[in-house]
């Protein structure tokens, strides 16, 4: 049963980019869909669990949820530029490396020389994996350029803040179910603000609301992760979520029909394997 719970986040987060890819629409449409769908899940979970949360933690959670949208908007824009199969592996690496460094420097993770050596070597493996997935032939559909990598890296700061958020003193002692709804409300708020400032026509487009399906998938995955971490431990729960990279990457190739040459596909498979191995290794640091 615990393994089934652990698989839900991987499946939900893995299929979300594929659903938004199939539905289509602008990044504003897709971001609103995630925010609205996740908020629906948040409201239902609140009614079922009836958790308590302090006023300070509530509004801080809203803020962190809104900042998370920076990272997700960066992903949606990158999906258009370099495809899902090109974006997800790179984004995963940026998140893993950034979160690991923040955890080590700020929150005291990887205490001791041995842990640091294992962690750093694991990150090197992950980076090599990312480089392999980014190998591109001139014959492929969407070619990865330096500006695309820099853009994705800069927007990943939103994910770093969101990932660090549970360890911050303001919310550290709050229940995961208590801060879940305000986080989702923050994501919806960020999505609305993004659409208002960049694409106001999005609110009358059907894709704006069809993408809510993807948001429900994402929200269920995020909610399930709370229980997976409790049932399996943070380390095991995190390892299982890495399967979302496999689902999104190969789903982008075979479901969304993103072009990959035979050579690119071989490098992508090798890169994904290294990313998973490195991700797992960081949990032992």
Protein backbone atom coordinates (compact mmCIF):
# COMPACT_ATOMS: atom_id res chain seq x y z
CA UNK A 1 0.00 0.00 0.00
CA UNK A 2 2.84 2.39 0.86
CA UNK A 3 4.41 1.80 -2.55
CA UNK A 4 1.11 2.61 -4.26
CA UNK A 5 0.95 5.88 -2.32
CA UNK A 6 4.55 6.62 -3.33
CA UNK A 7 3.74 6.05 -7.01
CA UNK A 8 0.90 8.60 -7.08
CA UNK A 9 3.18 11.69 -7.04
CA UNK A 10 5.40 10.21 -9.76
CA UNK A 11 2.42 9.40 -11.97
CA UNK A 12 0.62 12.72 -11.39
CA UNK A 13 3.68 14.90 -11.92
CA UNK A 14 4.79 12.74 -14.84
CA UNK A 15 1.50 12.95 -16.72
CA UNK A 16 0.83 16.64 -16.03
CA UNK A 17 3.12 17.93 -18.85
CA UNK A 18 1.65 15.37 -21.24
CA UNK A 19 -1.91 16.50 -20.50
CA UNK A 20 -1.07 20.18 -20.95
CA UNK A 21 0.79 19.25 -24.13
CA UNK A 22 -2.26 17.47 -25.52
CA UNK A 23 -4.72 20.18 -24.47
CA UNK A 24 -2.45 22.94 -25.77
CA UNK A 25 -2.95 26.62 -25.18
CA UNK A 26 -0.58 29.35 -24.05
CA UNK A 27 1.61 29.18 -20.92
CA UNK A 28 -1.00 31.43 -19.27
CA UNK A 29 -3.73 28.88 -20.09
CA UNK A 30 -1.64 26.03 -18.76
CA UNK A 31 -0.57 27.83 -15.60
CA UNK A 32 -4.15 28.80 -14.77
CA UNK A 33 -5.24 25.20 -15.29
CA UNK A 34 -2.64 23.99 -12.81
CA UNK A 35 -3.61 26.65 -10.26
CA UNK A 36 -7.35 26.06 -10.56
CA UNK A 37 -7.09 22.26 -10.57
CA UNK A 38 -4.69 22.21 -7.63
CA UNK A 39 -6.98 24.55 -5.67
CA UNK A 40 -9.93 22.23 -6.25
CA UNK A 41 -7.87 19.39 -4.78
CA UNK A 42 -6.81 21.68 -1.93
CA UNK A 43 -10.41 22.58 -1.07
CA UNK A 44 -11.54 18.94 -1.12
CA UNK A 45 -8.58 17.87 1.04
CA UNK A 46 -9.34 20.67 3.52
CA UNK A 47 -12.98 19.61 3.84
CA UNK A 48 -11.94 15.99 4.41
CA UNK A 49 -9.01 16.49 6.81
CA UNK A 50 -10.12 19.77 8.48
CA UNK A 51 -6.56 20.74 9.50
CA UNK A 52 -5.57 23.78 11.53
CA UNK A 53 -2.94 26.35 10.50
CA UNK A 54 -1.78 29.62 12.03
CA UNK A 55 -2.57 32.90 10.29
CA UNK A 56 1.12 33.65 9.75
CA UNK A 57 1.81 30.22 8.27
CA UNK A 58 -1.30 30.52 6.07
CA UNK A 59 -0.19 33.71 4.36
CA UNK A 60 3.43 32.61 4.16
CA UNK A 61 2.23 29.44 2.41
CA UNK A 62 0.20 31.54 -0.04
CA UNK A 63 3.33 33.56 -0.85
CA UNK A 64 5.48 30.47 -1.41
CA UNK A 65 2.81 28.93 -3.62
CA UNK A 66 2.70 32.10 -5.71
CA UNK A 67 6.51 32.08 -6.05
CA UNK A 68 6.35 28.43 -7.18
CA UNK A 69 4.54 29.60 -10.30
CA UNK A 70 7.78 31.24 -11.49
CA UNK A 71 9.32 27.81 -11.88
CA UNK A 72 6.25 26.27 -13.50
CA UNK A 73 5.79 29.16 -15.92
CA UNK A 74 9.43 28.69 -16.90
CA UNK A 75 8.69 25.04 -17.60
CA UNK A 76 5.62 25.77 -19.70
CA UNK A 77 7.48 28.32 -21.81
CA UNK A 78 10.36 25.84 -22.18
CA UNK A 79 7.92 23.12 -23.29
CA UNK A 80 7.08 25.36 -26.25
CA UNK A 81 10.74 26.10 -27.00
CA UNK A 82 12.50 22.75 -26.54
CA UNK A 83 9.70 20.27 -25.88
CA UNK A 84 8.68 18.29 -22.81
CA UNK A 85 11.35 15.63 -23.37
CA UNK A 86 14.03 18.34 -23.50
CA UNK A 87 12.73 20.43 -20.59
CA UNK A 88 11.89 17.90 -17.87
CA UNK A 89 15.33 16.26 -17.50
CA UNK A 90 17.08 19.65 -17.37
CA UNK A 91 14.53 21.10 -14.97
CA UNK A 92 14.84 18.06 -12.71
CA UNK A 93 18.62 18.45 -12.60
CA UNK A 94 18.42 22.18 -11.85
CA UNK A 95 15.96 21.50 -9.04
CA UNK A 96 17.97 18.65 -7.56
CA UNK A 97 21.31 20.48 -7.66
CA UNK A 98 19.83 23.75 -6.36
CA UNK A 99 17.83 22.10 -3.58
CA UNK A 100 20.83 20.02 -2.52
CA UNK A 101 23.15 23.03 -2.35
CA UNK A 102 20.56 25.09 -0.44
CA UNK A 103 19.98 22.20 1.96
CA UNK A 104 23.72 21.82 2.56
CA UNK A 105 24.52 25.51 2.99
CA UNK A 106 21.41 26.73 4.82
CA UNK A 107 19.69 23.78 6.49
CA UNK A 108 22.73 21.71 7.44
CA UNK A 109 22.10 18.72 5.18
CA UNK A 110 24.97 16.38 4.27
CA UNK A 111 26.67 16.86 7.62
CA UNK A 112 30.20 15.48 7.65
CA UNK A 113 32.89 15.08 5.01
CA UNK A 114 31.73 11.64 3.82
CA UNK A 115 28.16 12.81 3.22
CA UNK A 116 29.38 15.85 1.30
CA UNK A 117 31.65 13.71 -0.90
CA UNK A 118 28.83 11.27 -1.71
CA UNK A 119 26.40 14.12 -2.35
CA UNK A 120 28.74 16.08 -4.62
CA UNK A 121 29.72 12.97 -6.62
CA UNK A 122 26.02 12.14 -7.02
CA UNK A 123 25.33 15.64 -8.33
CA UNK A 124 28.17 15.26 -10.84
CA UNK A 125 26.50 12.08 -12.11
CA UNK A 126 23.19 13.95 -12.41
CA UNK A 127 24.82 16.80 -14.33
CA UNK A 128 26.45 14.34 -16.74
CA UNK A 129 23.03 12.77 -17.24
CA UNK A 130 21.54 16.17 -18.06
CA UNK A 131 24.30 16.84 -20.60
CA UNK A 132 23.53 13.53 -22.30
CA UNK A 133 19.79 14.30 -22.56
CA UNK A 134 20.64 17.67 -24.15
CA UNK A 135 22.63 16.14 -27.02
CA UNK A 136 21.00 17.43 -30.20
CA UNK A 137 21.36 16.71 -33.91
CA UNK A 138 20.71 19.33 -36.56
CA UNK A 139 17.99 17.09 -37.97
CA UNK A 140 15.88 17.14 -34.81
CA UNK A 141 12.76 19.24 -34.41
CA UNK A 142 13.66 21.52 -31.48
CA UNK A 143 17.31 22.32 -30.91
CA UNK A 144 18.53 23.21 -27.43
CA UNK A 145 20.30 26.56 -27.23
CA UNK A 146 22.24 28.24 -24.43
CA UNK A 147 19.55 30.91 -23.97
CA UNK A 148 16.95 28.19 -23.35
CA UNK A 149 19.11 26.58 -20.66
CA UNK A 150 19.77 29.93 -18.96
CA UNK A 151 16.08 30.85 -19.01
CA UNK A 152 15.06 27.52 -17.46
CA UNK A 153 17.79 27.80 -14.83
CA UNK A 154 16.75 31.34 -13.83
CA UNK A 155 13.06 30.45 -13.47
CA UNK A 156 13.91 27.35 -11.42
CA UNK A 157 14.46 29.72 -8.46
CA UNK A 158 10.69 29.47 -7.91
CA UNK A 159 10.98 25.72 -7.40
CA UNK A 160 13.96 26.18 -5.06
CA UNK A 161 11.94 28.50 -2.81
CA UNK A 162 8.97 26.13 -2.81
CA UNK A 163 11.13 23.10 -1.98
CA UNK A 164 12.91 24.93 0.85
CA UNK A 165 9.63 26.24 2.24
CA UNK A 166 8.71 23.26 4.52
CA UNK A 167 12.06 23.60 6.35
CA UNK A 168 11.55 27.29 7.13
CA UNK A 169 10.87 28.10 10.82
CA UNK A 170 7.53 29.82 10.10
CA UNK A 171 5.94 26.59 8.84
CA UNK A 172 8.27 23.84 10.07
CA UNK A 173 5.97 22.80 12.90
CA UNK A 174 2.76 23.10 10.89
CA UNK A 175 1.02 20.00 9.50
CA UNK A 176 1.49 19.23 5.82
CA UNK A 177 -2.27 19.09 5.29
CA UNK A 178 -2.67 22.44 7.07
CA UNK A 179 -0.43 24.39 4.70
CA UNK A 180 -1.56 22.51 1.57
CA UNK A 181 -4.67 24.58 0.73
CA UNK A 182 -2.97 27.99 1.17
CA UNK A 183 -0.11 26.77 -1.04
CA UNK A 184 -2.60 25.85 -3.76
CA UNK A 185 -4.38 29.20 -3.37
CA UNK A 186 -1.00 30.89 -3.82
CA UNK A 187 -0.42 28.96 -7.05
CA UNK A 188 -3.83 30.04 -8.34
CA UNK A 189 -3.10 33.66 -7.35
CA UNK A 190 0.24 33.56 -9.16
CA UNK A 191 -1.40 32.07 -12.24
CA UNK A 192 -4.09 34.77 -12.33
CA UNK A 193 -1.53 37.56 -11.94
CA UNK A 194 0.61 36.07 -14.73
CA UNK A 195 -2.37 35.94 -17.09
CA UNK A 196 -3.50 39.47 -16.20
CA UNK A 197 -0.07 40.94 -16.97
CA UNK A 198 0.81 38.85 -20.03
CA UNK A 199 -2.27 37.44 -21.76
CA UNK A 200 -5.68 38.75 -20.67
CA UNK A 201 -7.38 37.03 -23.61
CA UNK A 202 -6.51 33.74 -21.93
CA UNK A 203 -9.55 33.99 -19.64
CA UNK A 204 -11.97 33.56 -22.55
CA UNK A 205 -10.09 30.70 -24.22
CA UNK A 206 -11.33 27.14 -23.75
CA UNK A 207 -7.80 25.85 -23.10
CA UNK A 208 -7.74 27.97 -19.96
CA UNK A 209 -10.29 25.66 -18.39
CA UNK A 210 -9.50 22.38 -20.16
CA UNK A 211 -6.06 22.49 -18.54
CA UNK A 212 -7.73 22.22 -15.13
CA UNK A 213 -7.58 18.45 -15.69
CA UNK A 214 -3.77 18.67 -15.60
CA UNK A 215 -4.03 20.78 -12.45
CA UNK A 216 -6.09 18.11 -10.72
CA UNK A 217 -3.43 15.51 -11.59
CA UNK A 218 -0.74 17.82 -10.20
CA UNK A 219 -2.73 18.61 -7.05
CA UNK A 220 -3.50 14.96 -6.28
CA UNK A 221 0.21 14.16 -6.71
CA UNK A 222 1.24 16.99 -4.38
CA UNK A 223 -1.29 15.94 -1.74
CA UNK A 224 -0.29 12.27 -2.00
CA UNK A 225 3.35 13.24 -1.49
CA UNK A 226 2.52 14.48 2.01
CA UNK A 227 1.30 11.00 2.96
CA UNK A 228 4.05 9.23 1.03
CA UNK A 229 6.69 11.11 3.03
CA UNK A 230 4.98 10.04 6.27
CA UNK A 231 4.51 6.42 5.21
CA UNK A 232 7.82 5.83 3.45
CA UNK A 233 10.08 8.53 4.88
CA UNK A 234 11.30 11.64 3.04
CA UNK A 235 14.19 9.83 1.36
CA UNK A 236 12.18 6.96 -0.10
CA UNK A 237 9.30 9.25 -1.05
CA UNK A 238 11.69 11.51 -2.96
CA UNK A 239 13.31 8.57 -4.78
CA UNK A 240 9.95 7.31 -6.02
CA UNK A 241 9.03 10.76 -7.38
CA UNK A 242 12.02 10.57 -9.75
CA UNK A 243 9.99 8.19 -11.92
CA UNK A 244 8.11 11.27 -13.13
CA UNK A 245 11.19 12.13 -15.22
CA UNK A 246 10.85 8.84 -17.09
CA UNK A 247 7.11 9.30 -17.68
CA UNK A 248 7.39 12.92 -18.87
CA UNK A 249 10.48 12.43 -21.03
CA UNK A 250 9.39 9.33 -22.89
CA UNK A 251 5.78 10.51 -22.91
CA UNK A 252 6.97 13.64 -24.70
CA UNK A 253 8.65 11.49 -27.32
CA UNK A 254 6.02 8.79 -27.83
CA UNK A 255 2.77 10.55 -26.82
CA UNK A 256 3.43 14.13 -27.94
CA UNK A 257 5.57 12.87 -30.86
CA UNK A 258 8.52 15.14 -30.17
CA UNK A 259 11.23 14.37 -32.69
CA UNK A 260 14.36 12.54 -31.57
CA UNK A 261 16.93 10.98 -33.85
CA UNK A 262 18.17 7.48 -33.06
CA UNK A 263 21.38 8.97 -31.66
CA UNK A 264 19.52 11.52 -29.53
CA UNK A 265 17.22 8.81 -28.15
CA UNK A 266 20.20 6.68 -27.08
CA UNK A 267 21.80 9.62 -25.30
CA UNK A 268 18.46 10.52 -23.70
CA UNK A 269 17.97 7.00 -22.32
CA UNK A 270 21.51 6.99 -20.92
CA UNK A 271 21.05 10.47 -19.45
CA UNK A 272 17.76 9.57 -17.76
CA UNK A 273 19.37 6.51 -16.16
CA UNK A 274 22.20 8.65 -14.79
CA UNK A 275 19.77 11.26 -13.47
CA UNK A 276 17.80 8.59 -11.60
CA UNK A 277 20.98 6.94 -10.24
CA UNK A 278 22.37 10.30 -9.12
CA UNK A 279 19.05 11.32 -7.57
CA UNK A 280 18.89 8.10 -5.58
CA UNK A 281 22.54 8.50 -4.52
CA UNK A 282 21.95 11.99 -3.09
CA UNK A 283 19.46 10.51 -0.65
CA UNK A 284 22.26 8.42 0.90
CA UNK A 285 24.51 11.43 1.47
